[in-house]
Amino acid sequence: MVERRRLWWESLLRPSDARGRESRTLAFVGCSWLLVSLKFSADAFLPIFGIGPFQPLVTITEYASVTAALLAIWLGREWIDAKRGGGPDV
């Protein structure tokens, strides 16, 4: 049997959680956080270079609340997993 080598970007699309299992939730949270961070960075720094501003502007309060909501999705998944008895393999 031939072992297939994984490409470097496959791990970004299929992240593993702390238990080593594939986590779709972590991929969703990671991609969402990346998009929110890019939007916040564009609103904050591109007007300095004369590009933009892009409407509506994202404030630091909105960025923090969206980031907290995304982390709540991930932590909620971990909490539900722990309640089901799917704790770390020891």
N, C-alpha and C. Protein backbone atom coordinates (compact mmCIF):
# COMPACT_ATOMS: atom_id res chain seq x y z
N MET A 1 0.84 -1.17 0.00
CA MET A 1 0.00 0.00 0.00
C MET A 1 0.90 1.25 0.00
N VAL A 2 0.56 2.19 -0.84
CA VAL A 2 1.34 3.42 -0.97
C VAL A 2 0.79 4.45 0.00
N GLU A 3 1.69 5.02 0.81
CA GLU A 3 1.27 6.06 1.74
C GLU A 3 1.23 7.39 1.02
N ARG A 4 0.15 8.09 1.16
CA ARG A 4 -0.04 9.37 0.50
C ARG A 4 0.52 10.48 1.37
N ARG A 5 1.37 11.32 0.79
CA ARG A 5 1.91 12.46 1.53
C ARG A 5 0.88 13.58 1.57
N ARG A 6 0.77 14.21 2.72
CA ARG A 6 -0.15 15.33 2.86
C ARG A 6 0.56 16.61 2.45
N LEU A 7 -0.14 17.44 1.72
CA LEU A 7 0.38 18.74 1.36
C LEU A 7 0.25 19.67 2.55
N TRP A 8 1.06 20.74 2.56
CA TRP A 8 1.09 21.63 3.72
C TRP A 8 -0.25 22.32 3.94
N TRP A 9 -0.98 22.62 2.87
CA TRP A 9 -2.23 23.34 3.02
C TRP A 9 -3.39 22.45 3.42
N GLU A 10 -3.24 21.13 3.31
CA GLU A 10 -4.32 20.24 3.72
C GLU A 10 -4.57 20.32 5.22
N SER A 11 -3.52 20.56 6.00
CA SER A 11 -3.71 20.66 7.44
C SER A 11 -4.46 21.93 7.82
N LEU A 12 -4.39 22.96 6.97
CA LEU A 12 -5.16 24.17 7.23
C LEU A 12 -6.64 23.95 6.97
N LEU A 13 -6.95 23.11 5.98
CA LEU A 13 -8.35 22.85 5.65
C LEU A 13 -8.96 21.77 6.52
N ARG A 14 -8.12 20.93 7.12
CA ARG A 14 -8.60 19.87 7.99
C ARG A 14 -7.83 19.90 9.31
N PRO A 15 -8.08 20.90 10.13
CA PRO A 15 -7.34 21.00 11.39
C PRO A 15 -7.75 19.89 12.36
N SER A 16 -6.84 19.56 13.24
CA SER A 16 -7.11 18.55 14.26
C SER A 16 -7.26 19.23 15.62
N ASP A 17 -8.14 18.66 16.45
CA ASP A 17 -8.29 19.20 17.79
C ASP A 17 -7.22 18.60 18.71
N ALA A 18 -7.33 18.87 19.99
CA ALA A 18 -6.32 18.42 20.95
C ALA A 18 -6.26 16.90 21.06
N ARG A 19 -7.33 16.23 20.68
CA ARG A 19 -7.36 14.77 20.75
C ARG A 19 -6.85 14.11 19.47
N GLY A 20 -6.50 14.94 18.48
CA GLY A 20 -5.99 14.41 17.22
C GLY A 20 -7.06 14.08 16.20
N ARG A 21 -8.32 14.39 16.52
CA ARG A 21 -9.41 14.13 15.57
C ARG A 21 -9.63 15.34 14.68
N GLU A 22 -10.10 15.08 13.46
CA GLU A 22 -10.41 16.18 12.55
C GLU A 22 -11.55 17.01 13.12
N SER A 23 -11.43 18.33 13.02
CA SER A 23 -12.42 19.23 13.61
C SER A 23 -12.94 20.21 12.56
N ARG A 24 -14.19 20.00 12.12
CA ARG A 24 -14.80 20.94 11.19
C ARG A 24 -15.11 22.26 11.88
N THR A 25 -15.43 22.19 13.16
CA THR A 25 -15.74 23.41 13.91
C THR A 25 -14.52 24.32 13.98
N LEU A 26 -13.35 23.74 14.23
CA LEU A 26 -12.13 24.53 14.28
C LEU A 26 -11.83 25.17 12.93
N ALA A 27 -12.09 24.45 11.84
CA ALA A 27 -11.89 25.03 10.51
C ALA A 27 -12.84 26.21 10.29
N PHE A 28 -14.10 26.06 10.69
CA PHE A 28 -15.08 27.14 10.56
C PHE A 28 -14.67 28.36 11.38
N VAL A 29 -14.29 28.13 12.62
CA VAL A 29 -13.90 29.23 13.50
C VAL A 29 -12.64 29.91 12.96
N GLY A 30 -11.67 29.13 12.51
CA GLY A 30 -10.43 29.70 11.99
C GLY A 30 -10.65 30.54 10.74
N CYS A 31 -11.43 30.04 9.80
CA CYS A 31 -11.71 30.80 8.57
C CYS A 31 -12.52 32.06 8.88
N SER A 32 -13.49 31.94 9.76
CA SER A 32 -14.30 33.10 10.12
C SER A 32 -13.46 34.17 10.80
N TRP A 33 -12.59 33.75 11.72
CA TRP A 33 -11.74 34.71 12.42
C TRP A 33 -10.78 35.39 11.44
N LEU A 34 -10.26 34.63 10.48
CA LEU A 34 -9.36 35.20 9.48
C LEU A 34 -10.07 36.27 8.65
N LEU A 35 -11.29 36.00 8.21
CA LEU A 35 -12.04 36.97 7.42
C LEU A 35 -12.38 38.23 8.23
N VAL A 36 -12.79 38.04 9.49
CA VAL A 36 -13.10 39.19 10.34
C VAL A 36 -11.84 40.02 10.59
N SER A 37 -10.72 39.36 10.82
CA SER A 37 -9.46 40.07 11.06
C SER A 37 -9.00 40.82 9.82
N LEU A 38 -9.18 40.24 8.64
CA LEU A 38 -8.81 40.94 7.40
C LEU A 38 -9.67 42.18 7.19
N LYS A 39 -10.97 42.07 7.47
CA LYS A 39 -11.87 43.22 7.33
C LYS A 39 -11.48 44.32 8.32
N PHE A 40 -11.21 43.94 9.57
CA PHE A 40 -10.81 44.93 10.57
C PHE A 40 -9.49 45.59 10.19
N SER A 41 -8.53 44.81 9.73
CA SER A 41 -7.23 45.36 9.33
C SER A 41 -7.37 46.30 8.14
N ALA A 42 -8.20 45.92 7.18
CA ALA A 42 -8.41 46.77 6.00
C ALA A 42 -9.03 48.11 6.42
N ASP A 43 -10.02 48.06 7.31
CA ASP A 43 -10.66 49.29 7.77
C ASP A 43 -9.71 50.16 8.59
N ALA A 44 -8.79 49.53 9.30
CA ALA A 44 -7.90 50.27 10.19
C ALA A 44 -6.70 50.86 9.46
N PHE A 45 -6.12 50.11 8.51
CA PHE A 45 -4.83 50.51 7.96
C PHE A 45 -4.84 50.99 6.51
N LEU A 46 -5.79 50.56 5.70
CA LEU A 46 -5.79 50.99 4.30
C LEU A 46 -6.07 52.47 4.10
N PRO A 47 -6.92 53.13 4.92
CA PRO A 47 -7.10 54.58 4.74
C PRO A 47 -5.81 55.38 4.94
N ILE A 48 -4.87 54.84 5.71
CA ILE A 48 -3.59 55.51 5.89
C ILE A 48 -2.86 55.66 4.56
N PHE A 49 -3.02 54.66 3.70
CA PHE A 49 -2.36 54.66 2.39
C PHE A 49 -3.24 55.25 1.29
N GLY A 50 -4.36 55.85 1.66
CA GLY A 50 -5.23 56.49 0.69
C GLY A 50 -6.19 55.55 0.00
N ILE A 51 -6.32 54.34 0.51
CA ILE A 51 -7.25 53.36 -0.07
C ILE A 51 -8.42 53.21 0.88
N GLY A 52 -9.62 53.31 0.35
CA GLY A 52 -10.79 53.14 1.21
C GLY A 52 -11.32 54.49 1.64
N PRO A 53 -12.04 54.67 2.69
CA PRO A 53 -12.45 53.64 3.64
C PRO A 53 -13.58 52.77 3.09
N PHE A 54 -13.64 51.59 3.58
CA PHE A 54 -14.68 50.64 3.18
C PHE A 54 -15.82 50.74 4.17
N GLN A 55 -17.02 50.81 3.68
CA GLN A 55 -18.18 50.97 4.54
C GLN A 55 -18.86 49.62 4.73
N PRO A 56 -19.41 49.30 5.83
CA PRO A 56 -19.32 50.01 7.09
C PRO A 56 -18.01 49.69 7.80
N LEU A 57 -17.49 50.66 8.53
CA LEU A 57 -16.25 50.47 9.26
C LEU A 57 -16.46 49.55 10.46
N VAL A 58 -15.47 48.73 10.73
CA VAL A 58 -15.53 47.84 11.88
C VAL A 58 -14.73 48.47 13.02
N THR A 59 -15.39 48.71 14.14
CA THR A 59 -14.70 49.30 15.29
C THR A 59 -14.05 48.19 16.12
N ILE A 60 -13.19 48.58 17.04
CA ILE A 60 -12.52 47.61 17.90
C ILE A 60 -13.52 46.87 18.79
N THR A 61 -14.59 47.55 19.19
CA THR A 61 -15.62 46.90 20.01
C THR A 61 -16.33 45.81 19.22
N GLU A 62 -16.68 46.12 17.98
CA GLU A 62 -17.33 45.11 17.14
C GLU A 62 -16.40 43.94 16.85
N TYR A 63 -15.14 44.24 16.60
CA TYR A 63 -14.16 43.18 16.34
C TYR A 63 -14.03 42.27 17.56
N ALA A 64 -13.94 42.87 18.75
CA ALA A 64 -13.80 42.08 19.97
C ALA A 64 -15.04 41.22 20.23
N SER A 65 -16.22 41.77 19.98
CA SER A 65 -17.44 41.00 20.24
C SER A 65 -17.60 39.85 19.24
N VAL A 66 -17.24 40.07 17.99
CA VAL A 66 -17.31 38.99 16.99
C VAL A 66 -16.28 37.91 17.31
N THR A 67 -15.09 38.31 17.70
CA THR A 67 -14.06 37.34 18.06
C THR A 67 -14.50 36.52 19.28
N ALA A 68 -15.11 37.17 20.26
CA ALA A 68 -15.62 36.45 21.44
C ALA A 68 -16.73 35.47 21.04
N ALA A 69 -17.59 35.87 20.12
CA ALA A 69 -18.66 34.97 19.67
C ALA A 69 -18.08 33.76 18.94
N LEU A 70 -17.06 33.97 18.13
CA LEU A 70 -16.43 32.85 17.44
C LEU A 70 -15.74 31.90 18.43
N LEU A 71 -15.10 32.45 19.43
CA LEU A 71 -14.48 31.61 20.45
C LEU A 71 -15.54 30.86 21.25
N ALA A 72 -16.70 31.47 21.46
CA ALA A 72 -17.78 30.81 22.18
C ALA A 72 -18.27 29.58 21.41
N ILE A 73 -18.28 29.65 20.08
CA ILE A 73 -18.66 28.49 19.27
C ILE A 73 -17.69 27.34 19.53
N TRP A 74 -16.40 27.64 19.51
CA TRP A 74 -15.39 26.61 19.72
C TRP A 74 -15.45 26.07 21.15
N LEU A 75 -15.54 26.96 22.13
CA LEU A 75 -15.59 26.50 23.52
C LEU A 75 -16.87 25.73 23.82
N GLY A 76 -17.97 26.12 23.20
CA GLY A 76 -19.22 25.38 23.36
C GLY A 76 -19.11 23.97 22.83
N ARG A 77 -18.43 23.81 21.71
CA ARG A 77 -18.23 22.47 21.16
C ARG A 77 -17.38 21.63 22.10
N GLU A 78 -16.33 22.22 22.66
CA GLU A 78 -15.47 21.48 23.59
C GLU A 78 -16.23 21.13 24.86
N TRP A 79 -17.08 22.03 25.34
CA TRP A 79 -17.85 21.78 26.55
C TRP A 79 -18.84 20.64 26.33
N ILE A 80 -19.54 20.67 25.20
CA ILE A 80 -20.49 19.59 24.88
C ILE A 80 -19.77 18.27 24.74
N ASP A 81 -18.60 18.28 24.10
CA ASP A 81 -17.80 17.08 23.95
C ASP A 81 -17.39 16.51 25.31
N ALA A 82 -17.01 17.38 26.23
CA ALA A 82 -16.60 16.95 27.58
C ALA A 82 -17.80 16.39 28.35
N LYS A 83 -18.99 17.00 28.17
CA LYS A 83 -20.19 16.52 28.87
C LYS A 83 -20.59 15.15 28.39
N ARG A 84 -20.34 14.84 27.12
CA ARG A 84 -20.68 13.53 26.58
C ARG A 84 -19.70 12.44 27.01
N GLY A 85 -18.63 12.85 27.64
CA GLY A 85 -17.63 11.86 28.05
C GLY A 85 -16.55 11.67 27.02
N GLY A 86 -16.45 12.60 26.10
CA GLY A 86 -15.41 12.50 25.07
C GLY A 86 -14.16 13.23 25.46
N GLY A 87 -13.81 13.14 26.72
CA GLY A 87 -12.63 13.85 27.22
C GLY A 87 -11.35 13.36 26.57
N PRO A 88 -10.23 13.95 26.96
CA PRO A 88 -8.96 13.57 26.36
C PRO A 88 -8.63 12.11 26.60
N ASP A 89 -8.06 11.50 25.58
CA ASP A 89 -7.64 10.11 25.69
C ASP A 89 -6.37 10.03 26.53
N VAL A 90 -6.45 9.25 27.59
CA VAL A 90 -5.29 9.13 28.49
C VAL A 90 -4.78 7.72 28.45
